[in-house]
Amino acid sequence: MFTKILFPTDFSEHSEKVKSELLKLKKCNIKEIVLMHVLDVRVFSYSTMLDVIEIENFDHEGELVKEIKNRIEKWKDEFTALGFNVTTVVSEGIPFQEILKTAEDEKVSMITIGEKGGSAVERMLLGSTAEKVMRNAKVPVLLIR
């Protein structure tokens, strides 16, 4: 039924939890995972990664993208080791919009997302990405708490 799953991640603690749960679902006939990260055009969403990058490299050609690609490849390796087929997507934009677009483009059967991510400030000012995905997705959404 759910054979191709979109897993958008911001590499937060909640995304780690979603990853752990997805790794357990191999026996549920999931064939493919589309592992995704959206480079948020709203800069403050990367405040938790500022210890990893230098501010002068805060552009799509700098250390930020290298760090994101390194992290997504490590996660891909974990899923691949368990026999999942994995596609990675790194896009730029507003996360919920990019997630919905990718879900449609990739023809996924379900989106699996963490309840929380990013910072408290971002949720307060912009709302929850997970909530916006749940309200607008054309496929089922599995929300992991």
N, C-alpha and C. Protein backbone atom coordinates (compact mmCIF):
# COMPACT_ATOMS: atom_id res chain seq x y z
N MET A 1 0.82 -1.19 0.00
CA MET A 1 0.00 0.00 0.00
C MET A 1 0.87 1.26 0.00
N PHE A 2 1.70 1.41 1.02
CA PHE A 2 2.62 2.55 1.08
C PHE A 2 4.00 2.05 0.70
N THR A 3 4.31 2.12 -0.57
CA THR A 3 5.58 1.57 -1.03
C THR A 3 6.66 2.61 -1.28
N LYS A 4 6.25 3.85 -1.47
CA LYS A 4 7.21 4.93 -1.71
C LYS A 4 6.89 6.07 -0.75
N ILE A 5 7.84 6.35 0.14
CA ILE A 5 7.60 7.31 1.21
C ILE A 5 8.54 8.50 1.08
N LEU A 6 7.97 9.68 1.23
CA LEU A 6 8.76 10.90 1.28
C LEU A 6 9.07 11.20 2.74
N PHE A 7 10.35 11.35 3.02
CA PHE A 7 10.81 11.69 4.37
C PHE A 7 11.59 12.99 4.33
N PRO A 8 10.89 14.12 4.55
CA PRO A 8 11.59 15.40 4.63
C PRO A 8 12.25 15.53 6.00
N THR A 9 13.51 15.95 6.01
CA THR A 9 14.23 16.07 7.27
C THR A 9 14.91 17.43 7.40
N ASP A 10 14.94 17.91 8.63
CA ASP A 10 15.73 19.09 8.93
C ASP A 10 16.91 18.72 9.84
N PHE A 11 17.09 17.40 10.03
CA PHE A 11 18.17 16.84 10.84
C PHE A 11 18.03 17.18 12.32
N SER A 12 16.84 17.57 12.74
CA SER A 12 16.58 17.89 14.15
C SER A 12 16.43 16.60 14.95
N GLU A 13 16.29 16.75 16.26
CA GLU A 13 16.07 15.60 17.14
C GLU A 13 14.80 14.85 16.72
N HIS A 14 13.78 15.58 16.34
CA HIS A 14 12.53 14.94 15.92
C HIS A 14 12.71 14.18 14.61
N SER A 15 13.52 14.70 13.71
CA SER A 15 13.79 13.98 12.46
C SER A 15 14.56 12.69 12.74
N GLU A 16 15.44 12.72 13.73
CA GLU A 16 16.16 11.50 14.13
C GLU A 16 15.16 10.43 14.58
N LYS A 17 14.15 10.88 15.32
CA LYS A 17 13.13 9.94 15.80
C LYS A 17 12.34 9.36 14.63
N VAL A 18 11.99 10.20 13.66
CA VAL A 18 11.28 9.71 12.48
C VAL A 18 12.14 8.70 11.73
N LYS A 19 13.41 9.00 11.60
CA LYS A 19 14.33 8.08 10.92
C LYS A 19 14.34 6.72 11.63
N SER A 20 14.42 6.73 12.94
CA SER A 20 14.42 5.48 13.71
C SER A 20 13.15 4.67 13.47
N GLU A 21 12.02 5.36 13.43
CA GLU A 21 10.75 4.67 13.19
C GLU A 21 10.68 4.11 11.77
N LEU A 22 11.16 4.88 10.81
CA LEU A 22 11.14 4.40 9.42
C LEU A 22 12.05 3.18 9.24
N LEU A 23 13.18 3.18 9.90
CA LEU A 23 14.09 2.04 9.80
C LEU A 23 13.43 0.75 10.29
N LYS A 24 12.48 0.89 11.21
CA LYS A 24 11.76 -0.27 11.74
C LYS A 24 10.70 -0.80 10.76
N LEU A 25 10.34 0.01 9.76
CA LEU A 25 9.23 -0.33 8.88
C LEU A 25 9.62 -1.14 7.65
N LYS A 26 10.82 -1.63 7.59
CA LYS A 26 11.26 -2.40 6.42
C LYS A 26 10.33 -3.57 6.14
N LYS A 27 9.82 -4.19 7.18
CA LYS A 27 8.94 -5.36 7.02
C LYS A 27 7.55 -5.00 6.52
N CYS A 28 7.27 -3.71 6.38
CA CYS A 28 5.93 -3.26 5.97
C CYS A 28 5.83 -3.02 4.47
N ASN A 29 6.70 -3.62 3.69
CA ASN A 29 6.64 -3.57 2.24
C ASN A 29 6.99 -2.19 1.65
N ILE A 30 7.69 -1.36 2.40
CA ILE A 30 8.17 -0.09 1.86
C ILE A 30 9.34 -0.41 0.94
N LYS A 31 9.25 0.05 -0.29
CA LYS A 31 10.29 -0.24 -1.27
C LYS A 31 11.28 0.90 -1.43
N GLU A 32 10.76 2.12 -1.36
CA GLU A 32 11.61 3.27 -1.65
C GLU A 32 11.34 4.42 -0.69
N ILE A 33 12.41 5.11 -0.33
CA ILE A 33 12.32 6.30 0.50
C ILE A 33 12.93 7.46 -0.27
N VAL A 34 12.19 8.55 -0.35
CA VAL A 34 12.71 9.79 -0.92
C VAL A 34 13.10 10.65 0.28
N LEU A 35 14.40 10.75 0.49
CA LEU A 35 14.95 11.49 1.61
C LEU A 35 15.22 12.91 1.14
N MET A 36 14.65 13.88 1.85
CA MET A 36 14.64 15.25 1.34
C MET A 36 15.05 16.25 2.41
N HIS A 37 15.76 17.27 1.98
CA HIS A 37 16.02 18.44 2.83
C HIS A 37 15.75 19.68 1.99
N VAL A 38 15.09 20.65 2.61
CA VAL A 38 14.82 21.92 1.93
C VAL A 38 15.72 22.99 2.55
N LEU A 39 16.52 23.62 1.70
CA LEU A 39 17.29 24.77 2.13
C LEU A 39 16.31 25.92 2.25
N ASP A 40 15.98 26.24 3.48
CA ASP A 40 14.95 27.24 3.76
C ASP A 40 15.47 28.62 3.38
N VAL A 41 14.71 29.32 2.55
CA VAL A 41 15.12 30.66 2.13
C VAL A 41 15.02 31.66 3.27
N ARG A 42 14.39 31.26 4.34
CA ARG A 42 14.31 32.11 5.53
C ARG A 42 15.50 31.75 6.41
N VAL A 43 16.54 32.54 6.37
CA VAL A 43 17.86 32.23 6.94
C VAL A 43 17.83 31.78 8.39
N PHE A 44 16.97 32.35 9.23
CA PHE A 44 17.05 32.02 10.65
C PHE A 44 16.76 30.57 10.96
N SER A 45 16.22 29.81 10.04
CA SER A 45 15.98 28.41 10.32
C SER A 45 17.26 27.60 10.46
N TYR A 46 18.40 28.16 10.06
CA TYR A 46 19.67 27.46 10.18
C TYR A 46 20.46 27.88 11.41
N SER A 47 19.82 28.55 12.34
CA SER A 47 20.53 29.00 13.54
C SER A 47 21.13 27.86 14.33
N THR A 48 20.52 26.66 14.27
CA THR A 48 21.06 25.52 15.00
C THR A 48 22.31 24.95 14.34
N MET A 49 22.58 25.32 13.10
CA MET A 49 23.76 24.80 12.40
C MET A 49 24.90 25.80 12.35
N LEU A 50 24.74 26.96 12.98
CA LEU A 50 25.77 27.99 12.87
C LEU A 50 27.09 27.57 13.49
N ASP A 51 27.08 26.58 14.37
CA ASP A 51 28.34 26.10 14.91
C ASP A 51 29.12 25.29 13.87
N VAL A 52 28.45 24.85 12.82
CA VAL A 52 29.07 24.02 11.79
C VAL A 52 29.60 24.86 10.63
N ILE A 53 28.99 26.03 10.40
CA ILE A 53 29.36 26.84 9.24
C ILE A 53 29.83 28.21 9.67
N GLU A 54 30.54 28.85 8.80
CA GLU A 54 30.96 30.22 9.04
C GLU A 54 30.00 31.13 8.29
N ILE A 55 29.67 32.26 8.88
CA ILE A 55 28.63 33.13 8.33
C ILE A 55 28.97 33.63 6.92
N GLU A 56 30.25 33.83 6.57
CA GLU A 56 30.56 34.29 5.23
C GLU A 56 30.32 33.21 4.16
N ASN A 57 30.18 31.97 4.59
CA ASN A 57 29.88 30.89 3.65
C ASN A 57 28.40 30.55 3.62
N PHE A 58 27.57 31.40 4.18
CA PHE A 58 26.15 31.13 4.29
C PHE A 58 25.46 31.44 2.96
N ASP A 59 25.75 30.63 1.98
CA ASP A 59 25.10 30.73 0.68
C ASP A 59 25.01 29.35 0.08
N HIS A 60 24.33 29.21 -1.05
CA HIS A 60 24.17 27.86 -1.57
C HIS A 60 25.42 27.29 -2.19
N GLU A 61 26.46 28.03 -2.32
CA GLU A 61 27.71 27.49 -2.83
C GLU A 61 28.69 27.19 -1.70
N GLY A 62 28.35 27.54 -0.47
CA GLY A 62 29.29 27.44 0.63
C GLY A 62 29.18 26.17 1.45
N GLU A 63 29.65 26.29 2.66
CA GLU A 63 29.74 25.15 3.57
C GLU A 63 28.38 24.59 3.97
N LEU A 64 27.35 25.41 3.98
CA LEU A 64 26.03 24.94 4.37
C LEU A 64 25.57 23.79 3.48
N VAL A 65 25.66 23.96 2.17
CA VAL A 65 25.20 22.91 1.26
C VAL A 65 26.07 21.68 1.40
N LYS A 66 27.36 21.85 1.56
CA LYS A 66 28.25 20.70 1.77
C LYS A 66 27.84 19.92 3.01
N GLU A 67 27.55 20.64 4.08
CA GLU A 67 27.15 19.99 5.33
C GLU A 67 25.83 19.25 5.15
N ILE A 68 24.85 19.87 4.49
CA ILE A 68 23.55 19.23 4.24
C ILE A 68 23.74 17.96 3.41
N LYS A 69 24.52 18.05 2.34
CA LYS A 69 24.73 16.89 1.47
C LYS A 69 25.46 15.77 2.20
N ASN A 70 26.41 16.12 3.07
CA ASN A 70 27.10 15.10 3.86
C ASN A 70 26.13 14.39 4.79
N ARG A 71 25.28 15.15 5.46
CA ARG A 71 24.31 14.56 6.39
C ARG A 71 23.30 13.68 5.65
N ILE A 72 22.79 14.17 4.53
CA ILE A 72 21.78 13.40 3.82
C ILE A 72 22.37 12.10 3.25
N GLU A 73 23.64 12.13 2.84
CA GLU A 73 24.30 10.92 2.35
C GLU A 73 24.50 9.90 3.47
N LYS A 74 24.84 10.36 4.66
CA LYS A 74 24.98 9.45 5.81
C LYS A 74 23.65 8.77 6.12
N TRP A 75 22.58 9.56 6.10
CA TRP A 75 21.26 8.98 6.36
C TRP A 75 20.87 8.01 5.24
N LYS A 76 21.18 8.36 4.01
CA LYS A 76 20.89 7.48 2.87
C LYS A 76 21.59 6.14 3.07
N ASP A 77 22.85 6.18 3.50
CA ASP A 77 23.61 4.95 3.72
C ASP A 77 22.94 4.05 4.76
N GLU A 78 22.36 4.65 5.81
CA GLU A 78 21.68 3.86 6.84
C GLU A 78 20.48 3.12 6.26
N PHE A 79 19.69 3.81 5.45
CA PHE A 79 18.52 3.19 4.84
C PHE A 79 18.92 2.15 3.80
N THR A 80 19.92 2.47 3.00
CA THR A 80 20.39 1.55 1.96
C THR A 80 20.92 0.25 2.57
N ALA A 81 21.60 0.36 3.69
CA ALA A 81 22.15 -0.82 4.37
C ALA A 81 21.05 -1.80 4.79
N LEU A 82 19.85 -1.31 4.99
CA LEU A 82 18.72 -2.17 5.36
C LEU A 82 17.92 -2.64 4.14
N GLY A 83 18.36 -2.26 2.96
CA GLY A 83 17.71 -2.74 1.75
C GLY A 83 16.70 -1.81 1.11
N PHE A 84 16.56 -0.61 1.64
CA PHE A 84 15.66 0.37 1.01
C PHE A 84 16.33 0.95 -0.23
N ASN A 85 15.54 1.23 -1.25
CA ASN A 85 16.02 2.07 -2.36
C ASN A 85 15.82 3.51 -1.89
N VAL A 86 16.83 4.33 -2.07
CA VAL A 86 16.77 5.69 -1.55
C VAL A 86 17.12 6.69 -2.64
N THR A 87 16.26 7.69 -2.77
CA THR A 87 16.52 8.84 -3.62
C THR A 87 16.69 10.04 -2.70
N THR A 88 17.65 10.90 -2.99
CA THR A 88 17.81 12.10 -2.18
C THR A 88 17.44 13.33 -3.00
N VAL A 89 16.84 14.29 -2.29
CA VAL A 89 16.45 15.55 -2.91
C VAL A 89 16.88 16.66 -1.97
N VAL A 90 17.65 17.62 -2.48
CA VAL A 90 17.96 18.83 -1.74
C VAL A 90 17.44 19.97 -2.60
N SER A 91 16.48 20.71 -2.04
CA SER A 91 15.90 21.81 -2.80
C SER A 91 15.96 23.09 -1.97
N GLU A 92 15.60 24.18 -2.58
CA GLU A 92 15.63 25.48 -1.92
C GLU A 92 14.26 26.11 -2.02
N GLY A 93 13.78 26.68 -0.92
CA GLY A 93 12.48 27.34 -0.93
C GLY A 93 11.89 27.37 0.45
N ILE A 94 10.57 27.41 0.50
CA ILE A 94 9.84 27.36 1.76
C ILE A 94 9.49 25.89 1.99
N PRO A 95 9.92 25.34 3.12
CA PRO A 95 9.85 23.89 3.31
C PRO A 95 8.51 23.22 2.97
N PHE A 96 7.40 23.70 3.50
CA PHE A 96 6.15 22.97 3.26
C PHE A 96 5.79 22.97 1.77
N GLN A 97 6.08 24.06 1.07
CA GLN A 97 5.77 24.13 -0.36
C GLN A 97 6.64 23.15 -1.15
N GLU A 98 7.91 23.09 -0.81
CA GLU A 98 8.83 22.19 -1.51
C GLU A 98 8.50 20.72 -1.21
N ILE A 99 8.10 20.44 0.02
CA ILE A 99 7.72 19.07 0.39
C ILE A 99 6.50 18.63 -0.41
N LEU A 100 5.50 19.48 -0.50
CA LEU A 100 4.30 19.14 -1.26
C LEU A 100 4.59 18.97 -2.74
N LYS A 101 5.45 19.82 -3.28
CA LYS A 101 5.83 19.72 -4.69
C LYS A 101 6.59 18.41 -4.95
N THR A 102 7.52 18.09 -4.08
CA THR A 102 8.29 16.86 -4.24
C THR A 102 7.40 15.63 -4.11
N ALA A 103 6.46 15.66 -3.18
CA ALA A 103 5.52 14.53 -3.03
C ALA A 103 4.77 14.27 -4.32
N GLU A 104 4.35 15.34 -4.96
CA GLU A 104 3.63 15.20 -6.23
C GLU A 104 4.56 14.76 -7.36
N ASP A 105 5.71 15.41 -7.47
CA ASP A 105 6.66 15.08 -8.54
C ASP A 105 7.16 13.63 -8.46
N GLU A 106 7.40 13.17 -7.24
CA GLU A 106 7.93 11.82 -7.03
C GLU A 106 6.85 10.75 -6.94
N LYS A 107 5.59 11.19 -6.94
CA LYS A 107 4.44 10.28 -6.87
C LYS A 107 4.56 9.33 -5.67
N VAL A 108 4.80 9.93 -4.49
CA VAL A 108 4.92 9.12 -3.29
C VAL A 108 3.55 8.68 -2.82
N SER A 109 3.52 7.59 -2.05
CA SER A 109 2.25 7.09 -1.52
C SER A 109 1.99 7.60 -0.11
N MET A 110 3.02 8.17 0.54
CA MET A 110 2.84 8.70 1.89
C MET A 110 4.00 9.64 2.22
N ILE A 111 3.73 10.61 3.08
CA ILE A 111 4.76 11.50 3.62
C ILE A 111 4.88 11.18 5.10
N THR A 112 6.11 10.98 5.56
CA THR A 112 6.37 10.75 6.98
C THR A 112 7.19 11.92 7.49
N ILE A 113 6.69 12.58 8.54
CA ILE A 113 7.32 13.81 9.00
C ILE A 113 7.26 13.88 10.53
N GLY A 114 8.24 14.56 11.11
CA GLY A 114 8.25 14.76 12.55
C GLY A 114 7.29 15.86 12.96
N GLU A 115 6.76 15.72 14.16
CA GLU A 115 5.80 16.71 14.66
C GLU A 115 6.45 18.08 14.81
N LYS A 116 7.68 18.10 15.26
CA LYS A 116 8.38 19.36 15.49
C LYS A 116 9.70 19.34 14.76
N GLY A 117 10.17 20.52 14.46
CA GLY A 117 11.47 20.69 13.84
C GLY A 117 11.79 22.16 13.88
N GLY A 118 12.98 22.51 13.47
CA GLY A 118 13.35 23.91 13.48
C GLY A 118 13.36 24.46 14.89
N SER A 119 13.18 25.75 14.99
CA SER A 119 13.26 26.41 16.29
C SER A 119 11.88 26.85 16.76
N ALA A 120 11.78 27.13 18.05
CA ALA A 120 10.52 27.62 18.62
C ALA A 120 10.13 28.95 18.00
N VAL A 121 11.13 29.79 17.73
CA VAL A 121 10.87 31.09 17.10
C VAL A 121 10.24 30.90 15.73
N GLU A 122 10.80 29.99 14.96
CA GLU A 122 10.26 29.73 13.62
C GLU A 122 8.82 29.25 13.70
N ARG A 123 8.53 28.32 14.60
CA ARG A 123 7.15 27.82 14.73
C ARG A 123 6.21 28.93 15.15
N MET A 124 6.67 29.80 16.05
CA MET A 124 5.82 30.88 16.53
C MET A 124 5.52 31.88 15.42
N LEU A 125 6.53 32.25 14.65
CA LEU A 125 6.37 33.27 13.62
C LEU A 125 5.76 32.73 12.33
N LEU A 126 6.10 31.52 11.96
CA LEU A 126 5.72 31.02 10.64
C LEU A 126 4.76 29.84 10.66
N GLY A 127 4.58 29.23 11.82
CA GLY A 127 3.73 28.06 11.89
C GLY A 127 4.53 26.80 11.64
N SER A 128 3.93 25.69 11.94
CA SER A 128 4.58 24.40 11.82
C SER A 128 4.58 23.90 10.37
N THR A 129 5.74 23.50 9.91
CA THR A 129 5.82 22.89 8.57
C THR A 129 4.97 21.63 8.52
N ALA A 130 5.06 20.80 9.56
CA ALA A 130 4.29 19.55 9.58
C ALA A 130 2.79 19.83 9.48
N GLU A 131 2.33 20.83 10.19
CA GLU A 131 0.90 21.17 10.14
C GLU A 131 0.49 21.59 8.74
N LYS A 132 1.30 22.41 8.09
CA LYS A 132 0.97 22.87 6.74
C LYS A 132 1.00 21.72 5.74
N VAL A 133 1.94 20.81 5.92
CA VAL A 133 1.99 19.63 5.04
C VAL A 133 0.75 18.78 5.25
N MET A 134 0.39 18.53 6.50
CA MET A 134 -0.79 17.71 6.79
C MET A 134 -2.06 18.30 6.19
N ARG A 135 -2.19 19.61 6.28
CA ARG A 135 -3.42 20.26 5.79
C ARG A 135 -3.52 20.28 4.27
N ASN A 136 -2.38 20.24 3.58
CA ASN A 136 -2.39 20.44 2.13
C ASN A 136 -1.96 19.24 1.30
N ALA A 137 -1.49 18.19 1.93
CA ALA A 137 -1.00 17.02 1.18
C ALA A 137 -2.13 16.29 0.48
N LYS A 138 -1.83 15.74 -0.68
CA LYS A 138 -2.80 14.96 -1.44
C LYS A 138 -2.67 13.47 -1.15
N VAL A 139 -1.65 13.11 -0.34
CA VAL A 139 -1.42 11.73 0.07
C VAL A 139 -1.46 11.67 1.59
N PRO A 140 -1.62 10.48 2.16
CA PRO A 140 -1.62 10.37 3.62
C PRO A 140 -0.29 10.88 4.22
N VAL A 141 -0.40 11.44 5.42
CA VAL A 141 0.77 11.93 6.15
C VAL A 141 0.84 11.21 7.48
N LEU A 142 1.99 10.60 7.74
CA LEU A 142 2.24 9.96 9.02
C LEU A 142 3.06 10.92 9.86
N LEU A 143 2.47 11.41 10.95
CA LEU A 143 3.12 12.36 11.83
C LEU A 143 3.70 11.60 13.02
N ILE A 144 4.99 11.72 13.22
CA ILE A 144 5.66 11.03 14.32
C ILE A 144 5.89 12.01 15.45
N ARG A 145 5.43 11.67 16.63
CA ARG A 145 5.62 12.54 17.81
C ARG A 145 6.86 12.16 18.55
